[in-house]
Protein backbone atom coordinates (compact mmCIF):
# COMPACT_ATOMS: atom_id res chain seq x y z
CA UNK A 1 25.51 9.04 -23.57
CA UNK A 2 24.50 7.01 -26.72
CA UNK A 3 21.56 7.36 -28.89
CA UNK A 4 18.59 10.03 -28.37
CA UNK A 5 16.24 7.90 -29.80
CA UNK A 6 16.83 5.02 -26.83
CA UNK A 7 17.49 7.55 -23.83
CA UNK A 8 14.24 9.32 -24.66
CA UNK A 9 12.17 5.75 -25.00
CA UNK A 10 14.25 4.73 -21.47
CA UNK A 11 12.75 8.37 -19.64
CA UNK A 12 9.32 7.89 -21.60
CA UNK A 13 9.01 4.75 -19.24
CA UNK A 14 10.18 5.97 -15.82
CA UNK A 15 7.27 5.85 -13.27
CA UNK A 16 7.71 7.59 -9.40
CA UNK A 17 5.63 6.08 -6.10
CA UNK A 18 2.87 8.60 -5.35
CA UNK A 19 0.95 7.89 -2.13
CA UNK A 20 -2.79 8.31 -3.47
CA UNK A 21 -6.35 8.35 -1.44
CA UNK A 22 -8.81 6.06 -2.79
CA UNK A 23 -12.03 4.76 -1.84
CA UNK A 24 -12.14 1.17 -0.24
CA UNK A 25 -12.97 -1.44 -2.81
CA UNK A 26 -16.18 -3.08 -2.17
CA UNK A 27 -16.09 -6.87 -1.11
CA UNK A 28 -15.46 -9.40 -3.70
CA UNK A 29 -18.83 -12.17 -4.53
CA UNK A 30 -18.80 -14.54 -2.15
CA UNK A 31 -17.26 -12.66 0.78
CA UNK A 32 -18.86 -13.55 4.04
CA UNK A 33 -19.25 -9.92 4.86
CA UNK A 34 -21.05 -9.70 1.62
CA UNK A 35 -23.55 -12.61 2.15
CA UNK A 36 -24.60 -11.56 5.73
CA UNK A 37 -25.43 -7.83 4.53
CA UNK A 38 -27.51 -9.69 1.95
CA UNK A 39 -29.61 -11.58 4.70
CA UNK A 40 -31.73 -8.57 5.88
CA UNK A 41 -34.85 -9.40 8.15
CA UNK A 42 -38.33 -8.72 7.48
CA UNK A 43 -38.02 -5.75 9.91
CA UNK A 44 -34.92 -4.14 7.77
CA UNK A 45 -37.08 -4.39 4.53
CA UNK A 46 -39.78 -2.56 5.86
CA UNK A 47 -37.87 0.43 8.08
CA UNK A 48 -35.52 1.17 4.91
CA UNK A 49 -37.60 3.45 3.38
CA UNK A 50 -38.49 5.41 6.93
CA UNK A 51 -34.53 5.30 7.36
CA UNK A 52 -33.95 6.93 3.98
CA UNK A 53 -36.27 9.58 4.43
CA UNK A 54 -34.69 11.11 7.86
CA UNK A 55 -33.19 14.10 7.71
CA UNK A 56 -29.69 14.89 9.07
CA UNK A 57 -31.63 16.79 11.53
CA UNK A 58 -33.18 13.74 12.73
CA UNK A 59 -29.41 12.23 13.66
CA UNK A 60 -29.26 10.03 10.21
CA UNK A 61 -26.44 11.66 8.66
CA UNK A 62 -24.67 9.17 6.31
CA UNK A 63 -21.04 8.21 7.43
CA UNK A 64 -18.71 9.22 4.70
CA UNK A 65 -17.43 6.31 2.43
CA UNK A 66 -14.60 4.47 3.87
CA UNK A 67 -11.14 5.17 2.38
CA UNK A 68 -7.39 3.87 1.95
CA UNK A 69 -4.03 5.31 1.40
CA UNK A 70 -2.27 3.35 -1.31
CA UNK A 71 1.26 3.73 -3.53
CA UNK A 72 1.31 3.38 -6.77
CA UNK A 73 3.39 3.74 -9.64
CA UNK A 74 2.64 6.20 -12.45
CA UNK A 75 4.43 7.75 -15.44
CA UNK A 76 6.70 11.06 -15.03
CA UNK A 77 4.57 14.00 -15.32
CA UNK A 78 4.11 14.84 -18.99
CA UNK A 79 5.95 18.48 -18.69
CA UNK A 80 9.12 15.99 -17.00
CA UNK A 81 9.27 14.10 -20.09
CA UNK A 82 8.76 17.01 -22.44
CA UNK A 83 11.77 19.15 -20.84
CA UNK A 84 14.16 16.03 -20.00
CA UNK A 85 13.87 14.10 -23.64
CA UNK A 86 14.80 18.19 -25.02
CA UNK A 87 17.96 18.44 -23.00
CA UNK A 88 18.58 14.53 -24.22
CA UNK A 89 18.70 15.68 -27.56
CA UNK A 90 20.43 18.24 -27.27
CA UNK A 91 23.43 16.73 -25.35
CA UNK A 92 23.64 13.99 -27.85
CA UNK A 93 24.21 16.62 -30.58
CA UNK A 94 26.51 18.26 -28.46
CA UNK A 95 29.02 15.07 -28.08
CA UNK A 96 28.60 14.59 -31.75
CA UNK A 97 29.24 18.01 -33.00
CA UNK A 98 26.01 18.25 -35.08
CA UNK A 99 22.76 19.80 -34.77
CA UNK A 100 19.90 18.36 -33.49
CA UNK A 101 18.11 18.09 -36.82
CA UNK A 102 20.72 15.83 -38.26
CA UNK A 103 20.75 13.50 -34.89
CA UNK A 104 17.08 13.12 -35.69
CA UNK A 105 17.14 12.38 -39.45
CA UNK A 106 20.50 10.01 -38.45
CA UNK A 107 18.71 8.11 -36.12
CA UNK A 108 15.59 7.81 -37.89
CA UNK A 109 16.79 7.04 -41.04
CA UNK A 110 15.52 10.30 -42.74
CA UNK A 111 17.01 12.34 -45.41
CA UNK A 112 19.43 14.95 -44.22
CA UNK A 113 17.57 18.08 -43.48
CA UNK A 114 17.90 20.57 -46.61
CA UNK A 115 14.93 22.91 -46.92
CA UNK A 116 12.76 24.74 -44.64
CA UNK A 117 9.22 23.81 -43.08
CA UNK A 118 5.95 26.32 -43.76
CA UNK A 119 5.05 28.42 -40.70
CA UNK A 120 1.87 28.69 -39.32
CA UNK A 121 1.22 31.33 -36.82
CA UNK A 122 -1.45 32.05 -34.02
CA UNK A 123 -2.52 35.40 -32.26
CA UNK A 124 -5.22 36.10 -29.50
CA UNK A 125 -7.98 37.75 -29.62
CA UNK A 126 -6.37 41.10 -31.37
CA UNK A 127 -7.26 39.19 -34.54
CA UNK A 128 -7.10 42.33 -37.46
CA UNK A 129 -3.75 43.85 -36.07
CA UNK A 130 -2.21 39.94 -35.42
CA UNK A 131 -3.75 39.07 -39.12
CA UNK A 132 -1.67 42.16 -40.34
CA UNK A 133 1.51 40.91 -39.08
CA UNK A 134 1.13 37.66 -40.55
CA UNK A 135 0.22 38.95 -43.91
CA UNK A 136 3.62 41.60 -44.01
CA UNK A 137 5.71 38.79 -42.81
CA UNK A 138 4.25 36.35 -45.36
CA UNK A 139 3.41 33.45 -43.18
CA UNK A 140 2.27 30.30 -44.75
CA UNK A 141 -0.75 29.61 -42.75
CA UNK A 142 -3.03 32.05 -40.56
CA UNK A 143 -4.19 33.52 -38.32
CA UNK A 144 -5.44 30.70 -35.82
CA UNK A 145 -7.18 33.35 -33.24
CA UNK A 146 -8.75 33.08 -30.08
CA UNK A 147 -12.43 31.62 -30.29
CA UNK A 148 -13.44 31.57 -26.40
CA UNK A 149 -16.83 34.13 -26.71
CA UNK A 150 -18.89 32.89 -29.09
CA UNK A 151 -20.89 35.61 -29.44
CA UNK A 152 -17.78 37.98 -29.70
CA UNK A 153 -16.09 35.72 -31.78
CA UNK A 154 -18.09 33.91 -33.84
CA UNK A 155 -21.60 35.00 -33.64
CA UNK A 156 -24.69 33.01 -32.59
CA UNK A 157 -24.93 32.27 -36.21
CA UNK A 158 -21.59 32.09 -37.00
CA UNK A 159 -21.54 35.27 -39.02
CA UNK A 160 -19.22 37.31 -36.77
CA UNK A 161 -16.46 34.56 -37.85
CA UNK A 162 -17.82 34.60 -41.59
CA UNK A 163 -17.50 38.34 -41.77
CA UNK A 164 -13.46 38.28 -40.40
CA UNK A 165 -12.92 35.52 -42.92
CA UNK A 166 -14.13 37.92 -45.80
CA UNK A 167 -11.97 40.67 -44.22
CA UNK A 168 -8.57 38.17 -44.49
CA UNK A 169 -9.45 37.33 -48.02
CA UNK A 170 -9.42 41.05 -48.83
CA UNK A 171 -6.74 41.81 -46.36
CA UNK A 172 -4.21 39.88 -47.89
CA UNK A 173 -3.83 41.35 -51.56
CA UNK A 174 -3.91 44.68 -50.16
CA UNK A 175 -1.01 44.76 -47.81
CA UNK A 176 0.54 41.56 -49.78
CA UNK A 177 0.49 43.05 -53.71
CA UNK A 178 -0.52 40.44 -56.02
CA UNK A 179 -2.81 37.72 -54.17
CA UNK A 180 -1.86 34.93 -56.45
CA UNK A 181 1.68 35.54 -55.41
CA UNK A 182 1.18 34.97 -51.83
CA UNK A 183 -1.16 32.34 -51.02
CA UNK A 184 -1.53 31.63 -47.26
CA UNK A 185 -3.81 28.91 -46.21
CA UNK A 186 -6.21 30.43 -44.03
CA UNK A 187 -6.60 28.41 -40.86
CA UNK A 188 -9.60 29.00 -38.18
CA UNK A 189 -9.57 26.96 -35.01
CA UNK A 190 -12.96 27.59 -33.50
CA UNK A 191 -12.44 25.10 -30.75
CA UNK A 192 -15.76 23.16 -31.06
CA UNK A 193 -18.22 26.31 -31.15
CA UNK A 194 -19.85 25.48 -34.34
CA UNK A 195 -20.61 21.95 -32.63
CA UNK A 196 -21.96 24.20 -29.76
CA UNK A 197 -24.15 26.92 -31.66
CA UNK A 198 -25.53 24.18 -33.98
CA UNK A 199 -26.05 21.73 -31.31
CA UNK A 200 -23.70 19.05 -33.19
CA UNK A 201 -25.60 18.91 -36.03
CA UNK A 202 -23.29 17.88 -38.77
CA UNK A 203 -25.38 18.66 -41.54
CA UNK A 204 -25.65 22.41 -40.54
CA UNK A 205 -22.18 22.39 -39.64
CA UNK A 206 -21.33 21.54 -43.09
CA UNK A 207 -23.87 24.24 -44.67
CA UNK A 208 -21.45 26.87 -42.39
CA UNK A 209 -18.24 25.13 -44.02
CA UNK A 210 -19.73 26.06 -47.12
CA UNK A 211 -20.17 29.62 -46.39
CA UNK A 212 -16.63 30.08 -45.03
CA UNK A 213 -15.34 27.93 -47.94
CA UNK A 214 -17.04 30.64 -50.00
CA UNK A 215 -15.83 33.80 -47.61
CA UNK A 216 -11.81 33.34 -48.02
CA UNK A 217 -11.99 31.94 -52.12
CA UNK A 218 -9.94 31.66 -53.81
CA UNK A 219 -7.48 30.97 -50.69
CA UNK A 220 -7.43 27.48 -49.10
CA UNK A 221 -9.27 27.13 -45.71
CA UNK A 222 -8.70 24.81 -43.15
CA UNK A 223 -11.15 24.33 -39.60
CA UNK A 224 -9.67 22.91 -36.43
CA UNK A 225 -11.86 21.63 -34.20
CA UNK A 226 -15.74 21.91 -35.89
CA UNK A 227 -16.57 20.08 -32.79
CA UNK A 228 -15.22 18.64 -29.56
CA UNK A 229 -17.33 15.54 -28.42
CA UNK A 230 -17.44 13.56 -24.90
CA UNK A 231 -14.99 10.89 -25.82
CA UNK A 232 -11.97 10.10 -28.46
CA UNK A 233 -14.35 7.95 -30.20
CA UNK A 234 -17.76 10.14 -30.71
CA UNK A 235 -14.85 13.17 -31.88
CA UNK A 236 -13.68 10.53 -34.16
CA UNK A 237 -16.72 9.60 -35.24
CA UNK A 238 -18.25 13.08 -35.85
CA UNK A 239 -15.04 14.39 -37.61
CA UNK A 240 -15.25 11.24 -40.01
CA UNK A 241 -18.56 11.52 -40.91
CA UNK A 242 -17.89 15.81 -41.47
CA UNK A 243 -15.10 14.52 -43.62
CA UNK A 244 -17.23 12.46 -45.38
CA UNK A 245 -19.96 15.03 -46.09
CA UNK A 246 -17.09 17.52 -47.32
CA UNK A 247 -16.05 15.00 -49.83
CA UNK A 248 -19.60 14.25 -51.03
CA UNK A 249 -20.48 17.98 -51.51
CA UNK A 250 -16.82 18.28 -53.56
CA UNK A 251 -15.75 20.80 -51.07
CA UNK A 252 -12.13 21.49 -50.35
CA UNK A 253 -12.18 22.55 -46.33
CA UNK A 254 -9.81 20.80 -44.52
CA UNK A 255 -10.68 19.18 -41.99
CA UNK A 256 -7.89 19.35 -38.52
CA UNK A 257 -7.69 17.18 -35.16
CA UNK A 258 -6.79 18.92 -31.91
CA UNK A 259 -9.01 18.13 -28.95
CA UNK A 260 -8.88 14.71 -28.32
CA UNK A 261 -5.50 13.87 -29.95
CA UNK A 262 -3.17 14.26 -26.87
CA UNK A 263 -1.10 11.24 -26.81
CA UNK A 264 0.69 9.19 -29.45
CA UNK A 265 -2.44 6.64 -29.55
CA UNK A 266 -4.68 8.88 -29.76
CA UNK A 267 -3.14 10.25 -33.02
CA UNK A 268 -2.52 6.60 -34.20
CA UNK A 269 -6.51 6.17 -33.49
CA UNK A 270 -7.42 9.33 -35.76
CA UNK A 271 -5.13 7.92 -38.56
CA UNK A 272 -6.53 4.88 -38.90
CA UNK A 273 -9.92 5.78 -39.04
CA UNK A 274 -8.83 8.21 -41.80
CA UNK A 275 -10.80 10.93 -39.64
CA UNK A 276 -9.23 14.10 -40.80
CA UNK A 277 -7.18 16.20 -43.41
CA UNK A 278 -4.59 16.95 -40.20
CA UNK A 279 -3.69 16.76 -37.19
CA UNK A 280 -2.28 19.11 -34.64
CA UNK A 281 0.69 17.53 -32.86
CA UNK A 282 0.54 19.10 -29.66
CA UNK A 283 4.23 18.54 -28.51
CA UNK A 284 4.02 19.41 -24.62
CA UNK A 285 1.01 16.87 -24.30
CA UNK A 286 2.57 14.32 -25.93
CA UNK A 287 5.68 14.38 -23.42
CA UNK A 288 8.77 13.28 -24.54
CA UNK A 289 9.84 14.94 -28.01
CA UNK A 290 10.54 11.53 -29.82
CA UNK A 291 6.73 10.65 -29.33
CA UNK A 292 6.10 14.01 -31.43
CA UNK A 293 8.48 12.90 -33.87
CA UNK A 294 6.88 9.53 -34.51
CA UNK A 295 3.45 11.30 -34.57
CA UNK A 296 5.22 13.17 -37.76
CA UNK A 297 6.34 10.13 -39.29
CA UNK A 298 3.03 8.24 -38.31
CA UNK A 299 1.08 10.53 -40.29
CA UNK A 300 3.13 11.44 -43.21
CA UNK A 301 3.16 7.68 -43.95
CA UNK A 302 -0.64 7.40 -43.88
CA UNK A 303 -0.84 10.47 -46.12
CA UNK A 304 -2.38 12.93 -42.92
CA UNK A 305 -1.55 16.43 -42.85
CA UNK A 306 1.03 16.87 -40.07
CA UNK A 307 1.38 20.07 -38.23
CA UNK A 308 3.41 20.03 -35.34
CA UNK A 309 2.19 22.71 -33.00
CA UNK A 310 1.90 23.32 -29.36
CA UNK A 311 1.51 26.00 -27.12
CA UNK A 312 1.74 29.55 -27.00
CA UNK A 313 2.91 29.40 -23.38
CA UNK A 314 6.18 27.22 -23.95
CA UNK A 315 9.78 28.48 -23.53
CA UNK A 316 11.90 29.65 -26.31
CA UNK A 317 14.05 26.38 -25.73
CA UNK A 318 11.06 23.98 -26.60
CA UNK A 319 10.44 26.23 -29.33
CA UNK A 320 13.94 25.89 -30.83
CA UNK A 321 13.83 22.44 -30.36
CA UNK A 322 10.43 21.87 -32.42
CA UNK A 323 12.16 23.75 -35.22
CA UNK A 324 15.26 21.14 -35.42
CA UNK A 325 12.26 18.28 -35.15
CA UNK A 326 10.26 20.04 -38.04
CA UNK A 327 13.32 20.20 -40.25
CA UNK A 328 14.03 16.67 -39.88
CA UNK A 329 10.53 15.52 -40.12
CA UNK A 330 9.41 17.78 -42.38
CA UNK A 331 5.57 18.13 -41.25
CA UNK A 332 3.33 20.00 -42.94
CA UNK A 333 3.71 23.62 -40.82
CA UNK A 334 5.00 23.96 -37.69
CA UNK A 335 3.55 26.88 -35.38
CA UNK A 336 5.46 30.02 -34.33
CA UNK A 337 5.85 30.08 -30.95
CA UNK A 338 6.29 31.04 -27.97
CA UNK A 339 3.80 34.01 -27.79
CA UNK A 340 0.40 35.28 -29.35
CA UNK A 341 2.13 38.94 -30.52
CA UNK A 342 3.18 37.00 -33.95
CA UNK A 343 6.32 39.13 -34.35
CA UNK A 344 8.44 37.03 -31.51
CA UNK A 345 7.30 33.33 -32.41
CA UNK A 346 7.60 33.93 -36.14
CA UNK A 347 11.26 35.77 -36.11
CA UNK A 348 12.11 32.90 -33.49
CA UNK A 349 11.06 29.83 -35.41
CA UNK A 350 12.30 31.51 -39.08
CA UNK A 351 16.00 32.37 -37.36
CA UNK A 352 16.41 29.11 -35.85
CA UNK A 353 15.52 27.18 -39.08
CA UNK A 354 17.72 29.49 -41.53
CA UNK A 355 20.62 28.98 -38.82
CA UNK A 356 20.38 25.51 -38.72
CA UNK A 357 20.20 24.82 -42.48
CA UNK A 358 22.96 27.14 -42.91
CA UNK A 359 25.16 25.23 -40.31
CA UNK A 360 23.87 21.81 -42.30
CA UNK A 361 25.07 23.23 -45.37
CA UNK A 362 28.10 24.42 -44.36
CA UNK A 363 29.59 20.92 -42.65
CA UNK A 364 27.86 18.62 -45.50
CA UNK A 365 30.30 20.85 -47.69
CA UNK A 366 33.11 20.02 -45.60
CA UNK A 367 32.78 16.58 -45.38
CA UNK A 368 31.92 15.88 -48.77
């Protein structure tokens, strides 16, 4: 074991040889066979339409396109790089007798971890009971509910989600007491649904965001993935334009990138364009966890919000590693994971965070 950073980078570039089937490449320009095919006779030209119009029953069934077996080198599967890098980080920490958070801080030249990171919770379709749990636990950002059925979860005109946003505004002081003592950010992930119901009309989407902002006031609002475009470039352009509209209207809603921000390169492209206010860094998608570390630091360097996220389907081990990375890099918030039942993810993340900070504090006193 040397350093985690070196080992993770080494694993990240490993490749495996795999055999794939691919179409046979067309002949290069100037190829004799291509030249011969180009010299069609008058008879060939005159009979071509008839040949094309023949049905399979007439014996003119086209032959399948020729294929070939080739061996290529490709990176190790993303999940392998994710898991192995976590094991390496844990091993280096054990060899040094420190926490994983301290390893990351030391190797990236960061301050010794000394404070917790705000927690963002998520729930599935049980959005009312889930929100109650989050409010009762004083979660910093909520509720990241499921939106996979537009009529049920958002409404054809967005009225269902707007009504839910108003309910959240009223529910927070009901359960938490003084609304100004506990002021969570209301974070709504709409999975591109606004683009679908408004046909990607950014002006209409802006109008709906204004409705949502008014519905949750005085609480801050973030909206994740209001649209999902067909390419990364189109996604960046749409989010950048929408963000400019928000600023022109002097609105305060924060726009969050998720889809099309799946790799470190994607995240750097969103940062360079200043297209959003926050980026969800989906740790399993980035492969080796050193990429997630670099993504957080890249966001912070350009004053873009960093949301260290991931999936509700992760393991407790990857969630623990994420906590250590968050303590070292200090993103704006970390996702409570795994699960969508709220209690399990919030409990695990908070406990690991508190325990790690306690160990670091005790050890730091002993050595100084």
